[in-house]
Amino acid sequence: MQSLLLRVDRLSTWLGQLFAWLIVALTLMISWEVFARYVLNDPHDWALDAQIMMYGTLFMMAGAYTLSKNGHVRGDVLYGFFAPRTQATLDLILYFVFFLPGIVALTWAGWNFANESLAIRESTFSATPLPLYPFKFGIPIAGGMLLLQGIVEIVRCIVCIRDGEWPSREHDVEEVDVDKLKAMVHVRDEDIAALDEFVAPHGGKP
């Protein structure tokens, strides 16, 4: 069971990392468009539409990746103080009450939305129109991946309720850990406090 959960984690991670390259493409496109507009005096009417579609695709495809890393925003005022079983029980309730209905609706509506767009070969309204339906198919794909990853998270909640501890998950990049950063540069809290005491009387100037 655990190996299956980690396989889904790896799939979400791989897709997230793949679509993260859109950041590079967006950066290059925006830089080129600024150069073309202000230096060459040759702007492209389709550039903004392409940028919006690329950013939208990046944003949607990051959902399952972020969920697999337990990285979505959480109101963690009390949650962090709860025992793992209590956390898992709360998460399980919220997955069934809010997550599953919302993501199923998103995937279903997104599929219909994309097929309607394909049927009319929908395009943007710029002078140089871009096809819009490939972008809209990203909605049900992102929803399907979120649903798959959500099922994995539900299984994790059930396992945690049974065993009393959270099962492992696939790891990737992490937020900066201040304590680890201090250890890397050999800085102690006492050193920081001493520096603050020295700087304060001098008006912030060492």
Protein backbone atom coordinates (compact mmCIF):
# COMPACT_ATOMS: atom_id res chain seq x y z
CA MET A 1 0.00 0.00 0.00
CA GLN A 2 2.75 2.44 0.97
CA SER A 3 4.59 1.84 -2.32
CA LEU A 4 1.40 2.67 -4.25
CA LEU A 5 0.96 5.91 -2.32
CA LEU A 6 4.55 6.89 -3.06
CA ARG A 7 4.09 6.09 -6.76
CA VAL A 8 1.23 8.58 -6.94
CA ASP A 9 3.39 11.08 -5.03
CA ARG A 10 6.14 10.59 -7.59
CA LEU A 11 3.70 11.08 -10.48
CA SER A 12 2.42 14.34 -8.96
CA THR A 13 6.01 15.43 -8.31
CA TRP A 14 7.09 14.62 -11.86
CA LEU A 15 4.19 16.53 -13.38
CA GLY A 16 4.77 19.48 -11.06
CA GLN A 17 8.45 19.62 -11.95
CA LEU A 18 7.67 19.24 -15.65
CA PHE A 19 5.22 22.13 -15.74
CA ALA A 20 7.51 24.21 -13.51
CA TRP A 21 9.62 24.73 -16.66
CA LEU A 22 6.83 27.03 -17.82
CA ILE A 23 8.37 29.57 -15.42
CA VAL A 24 11.50 29.58 -17.57
CA ALA A 25 9.46 29.82 -20.77
CA LEU A 26 7.37 32.66 -19.30
CA THR A 27 10.48 34.55 -18.23
CA LEU A 28 12.03 34.24 -21.68
CA MET A 29 8.79 35.18 -23.45
CA ILE A 30 8.13 38.23 -21.31
CA SER A 31 11.75 39.38 -21.66
CA TRP A 32 11.61 38.99 -25.43
CA GLU A 33 8.27 40.79 -25.65
CA VAL A 34 9.60 43.73 -23.62
CA PHE A 35 12.65 43.89 -25.90
CA ALA A 36 10.51 43.63 -29.03
CA ARG A 37 8.08 46.29 -27.83
CA TYR A 38 10.46 48.93 -26.53
CA VAL A 39 13.63 48.34 -28.55
CA LEU A 40 12.43 46.93 -31.88
CA ASN A 41 9.05 48.72 -31.76
CA ASP A 42 7.46 45.45 -32.89
CA PRO A 43 5.01 44.19 -30.21
CA HIS A 44 3.06 40.96 -30.71
CA ASP A 45 -0.67 41.04 -30.11
CA TRP A 46 -0.79 37.33 -29.17
CA ALA A 47 1.94 37.49 -26.50
CA LEU A 48 -0.31 38.45 -23.58
CA ASP A 49 -2.79 35.66 -24.37
CA ALA A 50 0.05 33.13 -24.53
CA GLN A 51 1.44 34.34 -21.21
CA ILE A 52 -1.95 34.09 -19.50
CA MET A 53 -2.48 30.53 -20.78
CA MET A 54 1.01 29.45 -19.74
CA TYR A 55 0.63 30.91 -16.26
CA GLY A 56 -2.84 29.39 -15.88
CA THR A 57 -1.52 25.96 -16.88
CA LEU A 58 1.37 26.28 -14.43
CA PHE A 59 -0.98 27.31 -11.63
CA MET A 60 -3.44 24.48 -12.24
CA MET A 61 -0.84 21.73 -12.62
CA ALA A 62 0.87 22.78 -9.39
CA GLY A 63 -2.18 21.75 -7.35
CA ALA A 64 -1.53 18.01 -7.10
CA TYR A 65 2.20 18.59 -6.66
CA THR A 66 1.59 20.94 -3.72
CA LEU A 67 -0.92 18.56 -2.15
CA SER A 68 1.56 15.70 -2.41
CA LYS A 69 4.05 17.80 -0.39
CA ASN A 70 1.39 18.80 2.16
CA GLY A 71 2.11 22.38 1.12
CA HIS A 72 -1.32 23.95 0.72
CA VAL A 73 -2.22 26.81 3.06
CA ARG A 74 -3.64 25.60 6.35
CA GLY A 75 -5.13 27.49 9.30
CA ASP A 76 -2.53 26.11 11.68
CA VAL A 77 -3.49 28.01 14.84
CA LEU A 78 -4.37 24.85 16.80
CA TYR A 79 -3.79 22.07 14.26
CA GLY A 80 -0.08 21.74 15.00
CA PHE A 81 -0.77 21.05 18.68
CA PHE A 82 -3.09 18.11 17.94
CA ALA A 83 -1.97 14.49 18.09
CA PRO A 84 -1.52 12.82 14.67
CA ARG A 85 -4.74 10.82 15.06
CA THR A 86 -6.71 14.00 15.76
CA GLN A 87 -5.08 15.75 12.79
CA ALA A 88 -5.90 12.81 10.52
CA THR A 89 -9.51 12.66 11.73
CA LEU A 90 -9.99 16.37 11.11
CA ASP A 91 -8.35 16.13 7.67
CA LEU A 92 -10.48 13.12 6.75
CA ILE A 93 -13.70 14.95 7.59
CA LEU A 94 -12.64 18.00 5.58
CA TYR A 95 -11.62 15.88 2.59
CA PHE A 96 -15.08 14.32 2.41
CA VAL A 97 -17.04 17.48 3.20
CA PHE A 98 -15.17 20.02 1.06
CA PHE A 99 -12.35 18.56 -1.04
CA LEU A 100 -14.03 15.65 -2.82
CA PRO A 101 -17.26 17.49 -3.81
CA GLY A 102 -15.30 20.52 -5.00
CA ILE A 103 -12.67 18.63 -7.03
CA VAL A 104 -15.21 16.22 -8.56
CA ALA A 105 -17.29 19.24 -9.63
CA LEU A 106 -14.19 20.97 -11.02
CA THR A 107 -13.14 17.91 -13.02
CA TRP A 108 -16.61 17.20 -14.37
CA ALA A 109 -17.40 20.81 -15.28
CA GLY A 110 -13.89 21.29 -16.68
CA TRP A 111 -14.28 18.27 -18.97
CA ASN A 112 -17.57 19.59 -20.36
CA PHE A 113 -16.10 23.08 -20.64
CA ALA A 114 -13.07 21.82 -22.59
CA ASN A 115 -15.14 19.63 -24.94
CA GLU A 116 -17.44 22.53 -25.77
CA SER A 117 -14.36 24.63 -26.52
CA LEU A 118 -12.98 21.87 -28.77
CA ALA A 119 -16.30 21.49 -30.61
CA ILE A 120 -16.26 25.13 -31.73
CA ARG A 121 -12.46 25.28 -32.11
CA GLU A 122 -12.43 28.20 -29.68
CA SER A 123 -9.62 30.72 -30.03
CA THR A 124 -8.55 34.00 -28.45
CA PHE A 125 -9.91 37.34 -29.66
CA SER A 126 -6.59 38.92 -30.61
CA ALA A 127 -5.73 39.90 -34.16
CA THR A 128 -3.55 36.81 -34.29
CA PRO A 129 -5.84 34.25 -32.58
CA LEU A 130 -4.40 31.37 -30.58
CA PRO A 131 -6.29 28.08 -30.07
CA LEU A 132 -7.88 28.12 -26.63
CA TYR A 133 -9.20 24.56 -26.30
CA PRO A 134 -5.82 22.90 -25.54
CA PHE A 135 -5.45 25.22 -22.58
CA LYS A 136 -8.96 24.44 -21.33
CA PHE A 137 -8.23 20.71 -21.35
CA GLY A 138 -5.73 21.49 -18.61
CA ILE A 139 -8.68 22.05 -16.26
CA PRO A 140 -9.97 18.44 -16.15
CA ILE A 141 -6.41 17.07 -16.27
CA ALA A 142 -5.41 19.17 -13.26
CA GLY A 143 -8.67 18.26 -11.52
CA GLY A 144 -8.12 14.55 -12.19
CA MET A 145 -4.60 14.70 -10.77
CA LEU A 146 -5.85 16.58 -7.71
CA LEU A 147 -8.56 13.96 -7.23
CA LEU A 148 -6.02 11.11 -7.49
CA GLN A 149 -3.66 12.78 -5.05
CA GLY A 150 -6.58 13.57 -2.75
CA ILE A 151 -7.53 9.89 -2.61
CA VAL A 152 -3.94 9.14 -1.61
CA GLU A 153 -4.18 11.72 1.16
CA ILE A 154 -7.46 10.19 2.37
CA VAL A 155 -5.73 6.79 2.57
CA ARG A 156 -2.91 8.44 4.53
CA CYS A 157 -5.46 9.83 6.99
CA ILE A 158 -6.97 6.37 7.48
CA VAL A 159 -3.52 4.82 7.99
CA CYS A 160 -2.63 7.53 10.51
CA ILE A 161 -5.86 6.99 12.45
CA ARG A 162 -5.06 3.27 12.57
CA ASP A 163 -1.34 3.49 13.40
CA GLY A 164 -1.14 6.78 15.31
CA GLU A 165 1.51 8.32 13.03
CA TRP A 166 1.61 9.80 9.56
CA PRO A 167 2.97 7.55 6.80
CA SER A 168 5.93 8.80 4.82
CA ARG A 169 5.56 10.79 1.62
CA GLU A 170 7.72 11.66 -1.38
CA HIS A 171 9.98 14.61 -0.59
CA ASP A 172 11.27 17.33 -2.86
CA VAL A 173 12.38 20.90 -2.19
CA GLU A 174 11.68 22.24 1.29
CA GLU A 175 11.24 25.66 2.79
CA VAL A 176 14.33 27.18 4.35
CA ASP A 177 14.84 25.82 7.85
CA VAL A 178 16.29 28.67 9.89
CA ASP A 179 17.93 26.34 12.42
CA LYS A 180 19.61 24.33 9.66
CA LEU A 181 20.74 27.56 8.00
CA LYS A 182 22.29 28.77 11.26
CA ALA A 183 24.12 25.47 11.64
CA MET A 184 25.46 25.68 8.09
CA VAL A 185 26.99 29.13 8.64
CA HIS A 186 27.98 28.35 12.27
CA VAL A 187 25.86 31.09 13.82
CA ARG A 188 24.52 30.71 17.34
CA ASP A 189 21.55 32.49 18.92
CA GLU A 190 23.96 33.97 21.47
CA ASP A 191 25.97 35.58 18.65
CA ILE A 192 22.84 37.15 17.19
CA ALA A 193 21.77 38.47 20.61
CA ALA A 194 25.24 39.94 21.21
CA LEU A 195 25.19 41.65 17.81
CA ASP A 196 21.75 43.11 18.53
CA GLU A 197 23.00 44.51 21.87
CA PHE A 198 26.00 46.07 20.13
CA VAL A 199 24.05 47.57 17.22
CA ALA A 200 21.08 48.99 19.18
CA PRO A 201 22.99 51.73 21.11
CA HIS A 202 24.58 52.91 17.83
CA GLY A 203 21.27 53.53 16.09
CA GLY A 204 21.52 50.43 13.94
CA LYS A 205 25.11 51.19 12.81
CA PRO A 206 27.87 48.78 13.88
